Every structure is written in structure tokens, then in C-alpha cells.
Protein backbone atom coordinates (compact mmCIF):
# COMPACT_ATOMS: atom_id res chain seq x y z
CA MET A 1 10.21 -13.38 9.38
CA PRO A 2 7.29 -15.41 10.72
CA GLN A 3 5.78 -14.17 13.95
CA VAL A 4 3.65 -16.34 16.21
CA MET A 5 1.91 -16.23 19.55
CA VAL A 6 1.26 -19.36 21.60
CA ARG A 7 -1.21 -19.22 24.47
CA TYR A 8 -2.01 -21.98 26.97
CA ARG A 9 -3.20 -22.47 30.55
CA VAL A 10 -1.45 -24.86 32.91
CA HIS A 11 -2.91 -26.68 35.90
CA PRO A 12 -2.28 -24.60 39.04
CA ASP A 13 0.02 -27.27 40.48
CA GLN A 14 2.13 -27.16 37.29
CA VAL A 15 2.97 -23.43 37.27
CA ALA A 16 6.34 -23.79 39.01
CA GLU A 17 7.41 -26.67 36.76
CA ASN A 18 6.36 -24.81 33.64
CA GLU A 19 8.25 -21.70 34.72
CA GLN A 20 11.35 -23.79 35.47
CA LEU A 21 11.22 -25.40 32.02
CA VAL A 22 10.74 -21.99 30.35
CA ARG A 23 13.69 -20.52 32.26
CA ALA A 24 15.84 -23.44 31.12
CA VAL A 25 14.99 -22.54 27.52
CA TYR A 26 16.17 -18.98 28.10
CA ASP A 27 19.33 -20.20 29.81
CA GLU A 28 20.17 -22.30 26.78
CA LEU A 29 19.29 -19.48 24.38
CA ALA A 30 21.64 -17.18 26.29
CA ALA A 31 24.39 -19.78 26.05
CA THR A 32 23.90 -20.66 22.37
CA GLU A 33 22.72 -17.30 20.97
CA PRO A 34 20.91 -18.67 17.91
CA GLU A 35 20.69 -16.22 15.02
CA GLY A 36 17.38 -15.04 13.68
CA LEU A 37 15.29 -15.56 16.81
CA HIS A 38 13.43 -13.05 18.95
CA TYR A 39 11.43 -14.69 21.72
CA ALA A 40 9.54 -13.68 24.86
CA THR A 41 7.36 -15.46 27.40
CA PHE A 42 4.76 -13.83 29.62
CA LYS A 43 2.52 -15.03 32.44
CA LEU A 44 -0.90 -13.41 32.66
CA PRO A 45 -2.31 -12.02 35.94
CA ASP A 46 -4.39 -15.17 36.50
CA GLY A 47 -1.07 -16.89 37.29
CA VAL A 48 -1.73 -19.94 35.11
CA THR A 49 -1.95 -18.61 31.55
CA PHE A 50 1.24 -18.24 29.54
CA ILE A 51 1.89 -16.47 26.26
CA HIS A 52 4.98 -17.01 24.13
CA VAL A 53 5.71 -14.57 21.30
CA ALA A 54 8.34 -15.40 18.71
CA GLN A 55 9.77 -13.92 15.56
CA HIS A 56 12.20 -16.17 13.73
CA ASP A 57 14.07 -16.89 10.54
CA GLU A 58 13.39 -20.05 8.58
CA PRO A 59 14.09 -22.61 9.66
CA ASN A 60 12.94 -21.82 13.17
CA PRO A 61 15.91 -22.38 15.52
CA LEU A 62 13.78 -23.21 18.59
CA PRO A 63 13.29 -26.93 17.79
CA SER A 64 17.07 -27.36 17.82
CA ILE A 65 17.25 -26.14 21.44
CA THR A 66 17.44 -29.13 23.81
CA ALA A 67 15.66 -27.29 26.64
CA PHE A 68 12.85 -26.28 24.28
CA ARG A 69 12.31 -29.90 23.25
CA ARG A 70 12.24 -30.84 26.96
CA PHE A 71 9.70 -28.04 27.58
CA GLN A 72 7.45 -29.45 24.84
CA GLU A 73 7.71 -33.11 25.89
CA GLU A 74 4.91 -33.16 28.46
CA ILE A 75 3.21 -29.85 27.75
CA GLN A 76 -0.18 -31.53 27.23
CA ALA A 77 -0.05 -33.11 30.71
CA ARG A 78 0.81 -29.74 32.30
CA CYS A 79 -2.02 -27.94 30.52
CA GLU A 80 -5.59 -27.32 31.51
CA GLU A 81 -6.01 -25.63 28.10
CA PRO A 82 -3.61 -26.86 25.40
CA PRO A 83 -1.35 -24.54 23.42
CA VAL A 84 -2.97 -22.59 20.61
CA VAL A 85 -0.59 -21.24 17.98
CA THR A 86 -1.62 -18.05 16.20
CA ALA A 87 0.26 -16.50 13.31
CA LEU A 88 0.70 -12.76 13.77
CA ASP A 89 0.62 -10.13 11.05
CA GLU A 90 2.52 -7.13 12.39
CA ILE A 91 0.90 -3.77 11.79
CA GLY A 92 3.54 -1.89 13.76
CA SER A 93 5.79 -2.20 16.77
CA TYR A 94 8.16 -0.06 18.75
CA ARG A 95 11.30 -1.85 19.92
CA LEU A 96 9.29 -4.95 20.84
CA PHE A 97 11.97 -7.25 19.51
CA GLY A 98 14.95 -4.99 20.17
CA GLY A 99 14.62 -2.99 16.98
CA GLU A 100 15.94 0.55 16.97
CA ARG A 101 13.35 2.19 14.71
């Protein structure tokens, strides 16, 4: 399963809008329950930097989520620093994605 981290910084006046769009993604995920997706979003203590961590089957189900597409539509305009996608190579984890190891 591919694992990725996306990090970006929004303009201070865009924090509330970004959070609202992110919450809408989670609302739709809760309603649709796509298989093969583990996903989390975090806001760093600076209040403007966001990190999304995902583990997903192929194909990635996120692009099929309407709220996710809406979130991505104007991401560049909301950002002070654009999203940077980094592939992750897991060395180990403990229940990070709900696993019961």
C-alpha cells in the first residue's frame, strides 16, 4: 500500500476555510467508507501548516471523493507554501492506521 505525506502552509486568513474543506472531506469519507484508505490530517503548532498522511490501495480512492476534489480546486490560492508530496517508506508503526499489531 502506498503511503504519502503532504505538507503545505496556508495564508493566515485561509486557515478557517482550509479546515472547513478538510472537515468536509472527512464527512464524506465517513458517509461513503471507501475501502483501502487510511487518512489523517494534522495542523502544526504554527497554526498555518498542515500535514496529510495517507495509506491507500491502488487506485487511490481519494480522487473519487467529491469533497476532496473541492478541497484541491483552489489549494494553490490558499497556500503560502504549496503542497509537497513525499512518499513514505514505513520502518515501523504502532496502531497508526488502526492496525492491531
